[in-house]
């Protein structure tokens, strides 16, 4: 979608090169959603027996993603001081309009 609009972007393959704590914290800081929204609620998550109530704390979310990077929602778009979880993908366009 971004390529179709001629928007330059960097794709980060975070499973090959996991994000560090500082980067995850900075994304959470500019994400206009609760920290818990950054976590995928899939079978892997269910198998970890994590209490979802603990995910209200950004530090807990970062700790979980440091241990299990595949749990991060994706794609995430970051532009300047704004970030969006682009699910559905059209939400990435919000970054272009702002």
PDB file of N, CA and C in Angstrom:
ATOM      1  N   UNK A   1       0.819  -1.181   0.000  1.00  0.00           N
ATOM      2  CA  UNK A   1       0.000   0.000   0.000  1.00  0.00           C
ATOM      3  C   UNK A   1       0.874   1.261   0.000  1.00  0.00           C
ATOM      4  N   UNK A   2       1.926   1.253   0.816  1.00  0.00           N
ATOM      5  CA  UNK A   2       2.828   2.408   0.848  1.00  0.00           C
ATOM      6  C   UNK A   2       3.597   2.540  -0.456  1.00  0.00           C
ATOM      7  N   UNK A   3       4.033   1.415  -1.003  1.00  0.00           N
ATOM      8  CA  UNK A   3       4.754   1.450  -2.277  1.00  0.00           C
ATOM      9  C   UNK A   3       3.872   2.020  -3.376  1.00  0.00           C
ATOM     10  N   UNK A   4       2.589   1.635  -3.388  1.00  0.00           N
ATOM     11  CA  UNK A   4       1.653   2.150  -4.397  1.00  0.00           C
ATOM     12  C   UNK A   4       1.528   3.666  -4.331  1.00  0.00           C
ATOM     13  N   UNK A   5       1.710   4.226  -3.143  1.00  0.00           N
ATOM     14  CA  UNK A   5       1.598   5.676  -2.948  1.00  0.00           C
ATOM     15  C   UNK A   5       2.948   6.381  -3.043  1.00  0.00           C
ATOM     16  N   UNK A   6       4.004   5.613  -3.345  1.00  0.00           N
ATOM     17  CA  UNK A   6       5.325   6.193  -3.490  1.00  0.00           C
ATOM     18  C   UNK A   6       5.938   6.656  -2.181  1.00  0.00           C
ATOM     19  N   UNK A   7       5.516   6.050  -1.080  1.00  0.00           N
ATOM     20  CA  UNK A   7       6.030   6.424   0.236  1.00  0.00           C
ATOM     21  C   UNK A   7       7.266   5.580   0.542  1.00  0.00           C
ATOM     22  N   UNK A   8       8.348   6.247   0.882  1.00  0.00           N
ATOM     23  CA  UNK A   8       9.557   5.534   1.290  1.00  0.00           C
ATOM     24  C   UNK A   8       9.389   5.066   2.723  1.00  0.00           C
ATOM     25  N   UNK A   9       9.869   3.862   3.008  1.00  0.00           N
ATOM     26  CA  UNK A   9       9.777   3.333   4.367  1.00  0.00           C
ATOM     27  C   UNK A   9      10.868   2.294   4.580  1.00  0.00           C
ATOM     28  N   UNK A  10      11.160   2.069   5.834  1.00  0.00           N
ATOM     29  CA  UNK A  10      12.096   1.017   6.225  1.00  0.00           C
ATOM     30  C   UNK A  10      11.288  -0.111   6.842  1.00  0.00           C
ATOM     31  N   UNK A  11      11.469  -1.313   6.334  1.00  0.00           N
ATOM     32  CA  UNK A  11      10.817  -2.481   6.910  1.00  0.00           C
ATOM     33  C   UNK A  11      11.804  -3.127   7.878  1.00  0.00           C
ATOM     34  N   UNK A  12      11.346  -3.366   9.086  1.00  0.00           N
ATOM     35  CA  UNK A  12      12.191  -3.969  10.111  1.00  0.00           C
ATOM     36  C   UNK A  12      11.736  -5.409  10.315  1.00  0.00           C
ATOM     37  N   UNK A  13      12.626  -6.330  10.070  1.00  0.00           N
ATOM     38  CA  UNK A  13      12.323  -7.743  10.286  1.00  0.00           C
ATOM     39  C   UNK A  13      12.705  -8.078  11.720  1.00  0.00           C
ATOM     40  N   UNK A  14      11.801  -7.763  12.632  1.00  0.00           N
ATOM     41  CA  UNK A  14      12.117  -7.831  14.050  1.00  0.00           C
ATOM     42  C   UNK A  14      12.279  -9.253  14.581  1.00  0.00           C
ATOM     43  N   UNK A  15      11.846 -10.257  13.843  1.00  0.00           N
ATOM     44  CA  UNK A  15      12.108 -11.625  14.287  1.00  0.00           C
ATOM     45  C   UNK A  15      13.549 -12.025  13.984  1.00  0.00           C
ATOM     46  N   UNK A  16      14.120 -11.478  12.913  1.00  0.00           N
ATOM     47  CA  UNK A  16      15.530 -11.720  12.597  1.00  0.00           C
ATOM     48  C   UNK A  16      16.433 -10.818  13.428  1.00  0.00           C
ATOM     49  N   UNK A  17      15.990  -9.591  13.639  1.00  0.00           N
ATOM     50  CA  UNK A  17      16.736  -8.600  14.415  1.00  0.00           C
ATOM     51  C   UNK A  17      15.795  -8.008  15.457  1.00  0.00           C
ATOM     52  N   UNK A  18      15.659  -8.684  16.589  1.00  0.00           N
ATOM     53  CA  UNK A  18      14.685  -8.234  17.600  1.00  0.00           C
ATOM     54  C   UNK A  18      14.922  -6.790  18.046  1.00  0.00           C
ATOM     55  N   UNK A  19      13.817  -6.123  18.338  1.00  0.00           N
ATOM     56  CA  UNK A  19      13.887  -4.749  18.819  1.00  0.00           C
ATOM     57  C   UNK A  19      14.445  -4.740  20.239  1.00  0.00           C
ATOM     58  N   UNK A  20      15.201  -3.707  20.555  1.00  0.00           N
ATOM     59  CA  UNK A  20      15.727  -3.606  21.909  1.00  0.00           C
ATOM     60  C   UNK A  20      14.698  -2.942  22.821  1.00  0.00           C
ATOM     61  N   UNK A  21      14.971  -2.980  24.105  1.00  0.00           N
ATOM     62  CA  UNK A  21      14.051  -2.443  25.105  1.00  0.00           C
ATOM     63  C   UNK A  21      13.724  -0.969  24.844  1.00  0.00           C
ATOM     64  N   UNK A  22      14.748  -0.185  24.534  1.00  0.00           N
ATOM     65  CA  UNK A  22      14.546   1.247  24.300  1.00  0.00           C
ATOM     66  C   UNK A  22      13.593   1.502  23.129  1.00  0.00           C
ATOM     67  N   UNK A  23      13.745   0.735  22.057  1.00  0.00           N
ATOM     68  CA  UNK A  23      12.881   0.904  20.892  1.00  0.00           C
ATOM     69  C   UNK A  23      11.438   0.524  21.222  1.00  0.00           C
ATOM     70  N   UNK A  24      11.259  -0.591  21.912  1.00  0.00           N
ATOM     71  CA  UNK A  24       9.903  -0.994  22.301  1.00  0.00           C
ATOM     72  C   UNK A  24       9.257   0.049  23.205  1.00  0.00           C
ATOM     73  N   UNK A  25      10.018   0.565  24.151  1.00  0.00           N
ATOM     74  CA  UNK A  25       9.482   1.590  25.053  1.00  0.00           C
ATOM     75  C   UNK A  25       9.105   2.855  24.283  1.00  0.00           C
ATOM     76  N   UNK A  26       9.929   3.219  23.306  1.00  0.00           N
ATOM     77  CA  UNK A  26       9.624   4.435  22.544  1.00  0.00           C
ATOM     78  C   UNK A  26       8.372   4.250  21.689  1.00  0.00           C
ATOM     79  N   UNK A  27       8.175   3.057  21.139  1.00  0.00           N
ATOM     80  CA  UNK A  27       6.955   2.786  20.369  1.00  0.00           C
ATOM     81  C   UNK A  27       5.731   2.889  21.274  1.00  0.00           C
ATOM     82  N   UNK A  28       5.821   2.276  22.446  1.00  0.00           N
ATOM     83  CA  UNK A  28       4.686   2.340  23.369  1.00  0.00           C
ATOM     84  C   UNK A  28       4.391   3.774  23.796  1.00  0.00           C
ATOM     85  N   UNK A  29       5.414   4.569  23.913  1.00  0.00           N
ATOM     86  CA  UNK A  29       5.249   5.959  24.341  1.00  0.00           C
ATOM     87  C   UNK A  29       4.452   6.778  23.314  1.00  0.00           C
ATOM     88  N   UNK A  30       4.634   6.486  22.031  1.00  0.00           N
ATOM     89  CA  UNK A  30       3.965   7.274  20.996  1.00  0.00           C
ATOM     90  C   UNK A  30       2.735   6.577  20.403  1.00  0.00           C
ATOM     91  N   UNK A  31       2.469   5.370  20.851  1.00  0.00           N
ATOM     92  CA  UNK A  31       1.296   4.631  20.378  1.00  0.00           C
ATOM     93  C   UNK A  31       0.060   5.172  21.084  1.00  0.00           C
ATOM     94  N   UNK A  32      -0.941   5.510  20.329  1.00  0.00           N
ATOM     95  CA  UNK A  32      -2.154   6.091  20.898  1.00  0.00           C
ATOM     96  C   UNK A  32      -3.164   4.997  21.245  1.00  0.00           C
ATOM     97  N   UNK A  33      -2.664   3.977  21.909  1.00  0.00           N
ATOM     98  CA  UNK A  33      -3.508   2.852  22.330  1.00  0.00           C
ATOM     99  C   UNK A  33      -2.907   2.290  23.613  1.00  0.00           C
ATOM    100  N   UNK A  34      -3.666   1.517  24.351  1.00  0.00           N
ATOM    101  CA  UNK A  34      -3.108   0.895  25.556  1.00  0.00           C
ATOM    102  C   UNK A  34      -1.944  -0.030  25.213  1.00  0.00           C
ATOM    103  N   UNK A  35      -0.993  -0.132  26.115  1.00  0.00           N
ATOM    104  CA  UNK A  35       0.183  -0.982  25.907  1.00  0.00           C
ATOM    105  C   UNK A  35      -0.210  -2.415  25.558  1.00  0.00           C
ATOM    106  N   UNK A  36      -1.257  -2.913  26.185  1.00  0.00           N
ATOM    107  CA  UNK A  36      -1.698  -4.295  25.962  1.00  0.00           C
ATOM    108  C   UNK A  36      -2.064  -4.566  24.509  1.00  0.00           C
ATOM    109  N   UNK A  37      -2.443  -3.527  23.774  1.00  0.00           N
ATOM    110  CA  UNK A  37      -2.827  -3.715  22.372  1.00  0.00           C
ATOM    111  C   UNK A  37      -1.649  -4.133  21.504  1.00  0.00           C
ATOM    112  N   UNK A  38      -0.439  -3.964  21.992  1.00  0.00           N
ATOM    113  CA  UNK A  38       0.744  -4.348  21.217  1.00  0.00           C
ATOM    114  C   UNK A  38       0.974  -5.856  21.246  1.00  0.00           C
ATOM    115  N   UNK A  39       0.232  -6.575  22.086  1.00  0.00           N
ATOM    116  CA  UNK A  39       0.402  -8.020  22.241  1.00  0.00           C
ATOM    117  C   UNK A  39      -0.635  -8.781  21.426  1.00  0.00           C
ATOM    118  N   UNK A  40      -0.140  -9.727  20.619  1.00  0.00           N
ATOM    119  CA  UNK A  40      -1.032 -10.631  19.873  1.00  0.00           C
ATOM    120  C   UNK A  40      -1.607 -11.661  20.845  1.00  0.00           C
ATOM    121  N   UNK A  41      -2.876 -11.878  20.778  1.00  0.00           N
ATOM    122  CA  UNK A  41      -3.542 -12.856  21.659  1.00  0.00           C
ATOM    123  C   UNK A  41      -3.769 -14.140  20.869  1.00  0.00           C
ATOM    124  N   UNK A  42      -2.679 -14.836  20.575  1.00  0.00           N
ATOM    125  CA  UNK A  42      -2.763 -16.056  19.782  1.00  0.00           C
ATOM    126  C   UNK A  42      -2.494 -17.278  20.659  1.00  0.00           C
ATOM    127  N   UNK A  43      -2.313 -18.419  20.030  1.00  0.00           N
ATOM    128  CA  UNK A  43      -2.090 -19.661  20.781  1.00  0.00           C
ATOM    129  C   UNK A  43      -0.809 -19.596  21.607  1.00  0.00           C
ATOM    130  N   UNK A  44       0.214 -18.936  21.087  1.00  0.00           N
ATOM    131  CA  UNK A  44       1.452 -18.792  21.855  1.00  0.00           C
ATOM    132  C   UNK A  44       1.191 -18.009  23.131  1.00  0.00           C
ATOM    133  N   UNK A  45       0.453 -16.919  23.017  1.00  0.00           N
ATOM    134  CA  UNK A  45       0.100 -16.115  24.185  1.00  0.00           C
ATOM    135  C   UNK A  45      -0.679 -16.951  25.193  1.00  0.00           C
ATOM    136  N   UNK A  46      -1.674 -17.679  24.700  1.00  0.00           N
ATOM    137  CA  UNK A  46      -2.496 -18.501  25.592  1.00  0.00           C
ATOM    138  C   UNK A  46      -1.656 -19.545  26.316  1.00  0.00           C
ATOM    139  N   UNK A  47      -0.658 -20.088  25.629  1.00  0.00           N
ATOM    140  CA  UNK A  47       0.203 -21.100  26.226  1.00  0.00           C
ATOM    141  C   UNK A  47       1.129 -20.572  27.305  1.00  0.00           C
ATOM    142  N   UNK A  48       1.294 -19.268  27.366  1.00  0.00           N
ATOM    143  CA  UNK A  48       2.190 -18.675  28.365  1.00  0.00           C
ATOM    144  C   UNK A  48       1.510 -18.441  29.702  1.00  0.00           C
ATOM    145  N   UNK A  49       0.203 -18.547  29.739  1.00  0.00           N
ATOM    146  CA  UNK A  49      -0.542 -18.354  30.975  1.00  0.00           C
ATOM    147  C   UNK A  49      -0.258 -16.984  31.599  1.00  0.00           C
ATOM    148  N   UNK A  50      -0.297 -15.951  30.757  1.00  0.00           N
ATOM    149  CA  UNK A  50      -0.098 -14.573  31.201  1.00  0.00           C
ATOM    150  C   UNK A  50      -1.446 -13.984  31.594  1.00  0.00           C
ATOM    151  N   UNK A  51      -1.481 -13.343  32.735  1.00  0.00           N
ATOM    152  CA  UNK A  51      -2.706 -12.681  33.179  1.00  0.00           C
ATOM    153  C   UNK A  51      -2.859 -11.382  32.388  1.00  0.00           C
ATOM    154  N   UNK A  52      -3.878 -11.278  31.534  1.00  0.00           N
ATOM    155  CA  UNK A  52      -4.048 -10.065  30.726  1.00  0.00           C
ATOM    156  C   UNK A  52      -4.139  -8.784  31.559  1.00  0.00           C
ATOM    157  N   UNK A  53      -4.577  -8.876  32.796  1.00  0.00           N
ATOM    158  CA  UNK A  53      -4.665  -7.692  33.652  1.00  0.00           C
ATOM    159  C   UNK A  53      -3.283  -7.078  33.891  1.00  0.00           C
ATOM    160  N   UNK A  54      -2.237  -7.884  33.840  1.00  0.00           N
ATOM    161  CA  UNK A  54      -0.877  -7.382  34.048  1.00  0.00           C
ATOM    162  C   UNK A  54      -0.339  -6.633  32.834  1.00  0.00           C
ATOM    163  N   UNK A  55      -1.017  -6.744  31.705  1.00  0.00           N
ATOM    164  CA  UNK A  55      -0.541  -6.092  30.486  1.00  0.00           C
ATOM    165  C   UNK A  55      -0.907  -4.619  30.420  1.00  0.00           C
ATOM    166  N   UNK A  56      -1.569  -4.111  31.432  1.00  0.00           N
ATOM    167  CA  UNK A  56      -1.861  -2.674  31.474  1.00  0.00           C
ATOM    168  C   UNK A  56      -0.590  -1.883  31.731  1.00  0.00           C
ATOM    169  N   UNK A  57       0.415  -2.534  32.285  1.00  0.00           N
ATOM    170  CA  UNK A  57       1.691  -1.899  32.587  1.00  0.00           C
ATOM    171  C   UNK A  57       2.630  -2.021  31.385  1.00  0.00           C
ATOM    172  N   UNK A  58       3.111  -0.896  30.879  1.00  0.00           N
ATOM    173  CA  UNK A  58       3.988  -0.891  29.703  1.00  0.00           C
ATOM    174  C   UNK A  58       5.255  -1.705  29.946  1.00  0.00           C
ATOM    175  N   UNK A  59       5.783  -1.656  31.152  1.00  0.00           N
ATOM    176  CA  UNK A  59       7.000  -2.421  31.460  1.00  0.00           C
ATOM    177  C   UNK A  59       6.787  -3.911  31.323  1.00  0.00           C
ATOM    178  N   UNK A  60       5.620  -4.379  31.739  1.00  0.00           N
ATOM    179  CA  UNK A  60       5.296  -5.800  31.612  1.00  0.00           C
ATOM    180  C   UNK A  60       5.171  -6.189  30.149  1.00  0.00           C
ATOM    181  N   UNK A  61       4.581  -5.322  29.344  1.00  0.00           N
ATOM    182  CA  UNK A  61       4.445  -5.579  27.907  1.00  0.00           C
ATOM    183  C   UNK A  61       5.830  -5.664  27.267  1.00  0.00           C
ATOM    184  N   UNK A  62       6.697  -4.738  27.599  1.00  0.00           N
ATOM    185  CA  UNK A  62       8.054  -4.752  27.038  1.00  0.00           C
ATOM    186  C   UNK A  62       8.781  -6.020  27.468  1.00  0.00           C
ATOM    187  N   UNK A  63       8.682  -6.382  28.743  1.00  0.00           N
ATOM    188  CA  UNK A  63       9.338  -7.610  29.221  1.00  0.00           C
ATOM    189  C   UNK A  63       8.856  -8.823  28.435  1.00  0.00           C
ATOM    190  N   UNK A  64       7.550  -8.910  28.212  1.00  0.00           N
ATOM    191  CA  UNK A  64       6.986 -10.044  27.480  1.00  0.00           C
ATOM    192  C   UNK A  64       7.484 -10.067  26.042  1.00  0.00           C
ATOM    193  N   UNK A  65       7.531  -8.900  25.388  1.00  0.00           N
ATOM    194  CA  UNK A  65       7.995  -8.849  23.997  1.00  0.00           C
ATOM    195  C   UNK A  65       9.496  -9.100  23.881  1.00  0.00           C
ATOM    196  N   UNK A  66      10.235  -8.765  24.903  1.00  0.00           N
ATOM    197  CA  UNK A  66      11.678  -9.071  24.880  1.00  0.00           C
ATOM    198  C   UNK A  66      11.892 -10.583  24.916  1.00  0.00           C
ATOM    199  N   UNK A  67      11.044 -11.281  25.641  1.00  0.00           N
ATOM    200  CA  UNK A  67      11.156 -12.737  25.747  1.00  0.00           C
ATOM    201  C   UNK A  67      10.497 -13.461  24.578  1.00  0.00           C
ATOM    202  N   UNK A  68       9.438 -12.863  24.038  1.00  0.00           N
ATOM    203  CA  UNK A  68       8.650 -13.511  22.977  1.00  0.00           C
ATOM    204  C   UNK A  68       8.316 -12.491  21.893  1.00  0.00           C
ATOM    205  N   UNK A  69       9.288 -12.108  21.054  1.00  0.00           N
ATOM    206  CA  UNK A  69       9.045 -11.065  20.051  1.00  0.00           C
ATOM    207  C   UNK A  69       7.929 -11.389  19.058  1.00  0.00           C
ATOM    208  N   UNK A  70       7.654 -12.658  18.824  1.00  0.00           N
ATOM    209  CA  UNK A  70       6.603 -13.027  17.873  1.00  0.00           C
ATOM    210  C   UNK A  70       5.211 -12.618  18.365  1.00  0.00           C
ATOM    211  N   UNK A  71       5.091 -12.257  19.638  1.00  0.00           N
ATOM    212  CA  UNK A  71       3.798 -11.837  20.167  1.00  0.00           C
ATOM    213  C   UNK A  71       3.443 -10.396  19.796  1.00  0.00           C
ATOM    214  N   UNK A  72       4.369  -9.667  19.195  1.00  0.00           N
ATOM    215  CA  UNK A  72       4.088  -8.273  18.862  1.00  0.00           C
ATOM    216  C   UNK A  72       3.114  -8.177  17.691  1.00  0.00           C
ATOM    217  N   UNK A  73       2.098  -7.346  17.864  1.00  0.00           N
ATOM    218  CA  UNK A  73       1.187  -7.059  16.756  1.00  0.00           C
ATOM    219  C   UNK A  73       1.992  -6.474  15.612  1.00  0.00           C
ATOM    220  N   UNK A  74       1.555  -6.727  14.419  1.00  0.00           N
ATOM    221  CA  UNK A  74       2.226  -6.181  13.248  1.00  0.00           C
ATOM    222  C   UNK A  74       1.245  -6.074  12.106  1.00  0.00           C
ATOM    223  N   UNK A  75       1.515  -5.197  11.206  1.00  0.00           N
ATOM    224  CA  UNK A  75       2.635  -4.256  11.169  1.00  0.00           C
ATOM    225  C   UNK A  75       2.385  -3.051  12.075  1.00  0.00           C
ATOM    226  N   UNK A  76       3.482  -2.422  12.437  1.00  0.00           N
ATOM    227  CA  UNK A  76       3.427  -1.181  13.200  1.00  0.00           C
ATOM    228  C   UNK A  76       4.081  -0.116  12.340  1.00  0.00           C
ATOM    229  N   UNK A  77       3.406   0.999  12.214  1.00  0.00           N
ATOM    230  CA  UNK A  77       3.968   2.125  11.473  1.00  0.00           C
ATOM    231  C   UNK A  77       4.386   3.202  12.452  1.00  0.00           C
ATOM    232  N   UNK A  78       5.573   3.748  12.225  1.00  0.00           N
ATOM    233  CA  UNK A  78       6.081   4.828  13.070  1.00  0.00           C
ATOM    234  C   UNK A  78       6.504   5.961  12.148  1.00  0.00           C
ATOM    235  N   UNK A  79       6.028   7.151  12.485  1.00  0.00           N
ATOM    236  CA  UNK A  79       6.408   8.330  11.717  1.00  0.00           C
ATOM    237  C   UNK A  79       6.483   9.504  12.685  1.00  0.00           C
ATOM    238  N   UNK A  80       7.677  10.004  12.870  1.00  0.00           N
ATOM    239  CA  UNK A  80       7.861  11.110  13.799  1.00  0.00           C
ATOM    240  C   UNK A  80       7.469  10.705  15.209  1.00  0.00           C
ATOM    241  N   UNK A  81       6.555  11.441  15.778  1.00  0.00           N
ATOM    242  CA  UNK A  81       6.103  11.196  17.150  1.00  0.00           C
ATOM    243  C   UNK A  81       4.769  10.465  17.208  1.00  0.00           C
ATOM    244  N   UNK A  82       4.488   9.683  16.166  1.00  0.00           N
ATOM    245  CA  UNK A  82       3.237   8.923  16.120  1.00  0.00           C
ATOM    246  C   UNK A  82       3.512   7.488  15.700  1.00  0.00           C
ATOM    247  N   UNK A  83       2.713   6.577  16.240  1.00  0.00           N
ATOM    248  CA  UNK A  83       2.805   5.173  15.859  1.00  0.00           C
ATOM    249  C   UNK A  83       1.394   4.593  15.795  1.00  0.00           C
ATOM    250  N   UNK A  84       1.185   3.663  14.871  1.00  0.00           N
ATOM    251  CA  UNK A  84      -0.099   2.968  14.763  1.00  0.00           C
ATOM    252  C   UNK A  84       0.149   1.483  14.557  1.00  0.00           C
ATOM    253  N   UNK A  85      -0.764   0.699  15.097  1.00  0.00           N
ATOM    254  CA  UNK A  85      -0.802  -0.724  14.774  1.00  0.00           C
ATOM    255  C   UNK A  85      -1.694  -0.812  13.549  1.00  0.00           C
ATOM    256  N   UNK A  86      -1.125  -1.195  12.434  1.00  0.00           N
ATOM    257  CA  UNK A  86      -1.836  -1.151  11.150  1.00  0.00           C
ATOM    258  C   UNK A  86      -2.614  -2.441  10.905  1.00  0.00           C
ATOM    259  N   UNK A  87      -3.588  -2.678  11.739  1.00  0.00           N
ATOM    260  CA  UNK A  87      -4.511  -3.788  11.590  1.00  0.00           C
ATOM    261  C   UNK A  87      -5.900  -3.232  11.733  1.00  0.00           C
ATOM    262  N   UNK A  88      -6.610  -3.034  10.695  1.00  0.00           N
ATOM    263  CA  UNK A  88      -6.306  -3.396   9.309  1.00  0.00           C
ATOM    264  C   UNK A  88      -5.255  -2.466   8.708  1.00  0.00           C
ATOM    265  N   UNK A  89      -4.688  -2.911   7.601  1.00  0.00           N
ATOM    266  CA  UNK A  89      -3.573  -2.217   6.970  1.00  0.00           C
ATOM    267  C   UNK A  89      -3.881  -0.759   6.629  1.00  0.00           C
ATOM    268  N   UNK A  90      -5.124  -0.445   6.373  1.00  0.00           N
ATOM    269  CA  UNK A  90      -5.493   0.921   6.001  1.00  0.00           C
ATOM    270  C   UNK A  90      -5.185   1.930   7.115  1.00  0.00           C
ATOM    271  N   UNK A  91      -5.028   1.457   8.336  1.00  0.00           N
ATOM    272  CA  UNK A  91      -4.716   2.370   9.440  1.00  0.00           C
ATOM    273  C   UNK A  91      -3.351   3.026   9.271  1.00  0.00           C
ATOM    274  N   UNK A  92      -2.486   2.431   8.469  1.00  0.00           N
ATOM    275  CA  UNK A  92      -1.175   3.039   8.221  1.00  0.00           C
ATOM    276  C   UNK A  92      -1.349   4.399   7.536  1.00  0.00           C
ATOM    277  N   UNK A  93      -2.439   4.560   6.808  1.00  0.00           N
ATOM    278  CA  UNK A  93      -2.697   5.821   6.119  1.00  0.00           C
ATOM    279  C   UNK A  93      -2.907   6.974   7.095  1.00  0.00           C
ATOM    280  N   UNK A  94      -3.317   6.663   8.331  1.00  0.00           N
ATOM    281  CA  UNK A  94      -3.467   7.717   9.337  1.00  0.00           C
ATOM    282  C   UNK A  94      -2.158   8.451   9.586  1.00  0.00           C
ATOM    283  N   UNK A  95      -1.049   7.741   9.473  1.00  0.00           N
ATOM    284  CA  UNK A  95       0.258   8.379   9.655  1.00  0.00           C
ATOM    285  C   UNK A  95       0.576   9.347   8.528  1.00  0.00           C
ATOM    286  N   UNK A  96       0.087   9.046   7.337  1.00  0.00           N
ATOM    287  CA  UNK A  96       0.380   9.895   6.191  1.00  0.00           C
ATOM    288  C   UNK A  96      -0.451  11.167   6.213  1.00  0.00           C
ATOM    289  N   UNK A  97      -1.627  11.075   6.810  1.00  0.00           N
ATOM    290  CA  UNK A  97      -2.531  12.222   6.838  1.00  0.00           C
ATOM    291  C   UNK A  97      -2.193  13.209   7.961  1.00  0.00           C
ATOM    292  N   UNK A  98      -1.437  12.724   8.962  1.00  0.00           N
ATOM    293  CA  UNK A  98      -1.189  13.563  10.154  1.00  0.00           C
ATOM    294  C   UNK A  98      -0.020  14.408  10.109  1.00  0.00           C
TER     295      UNK A  98
END
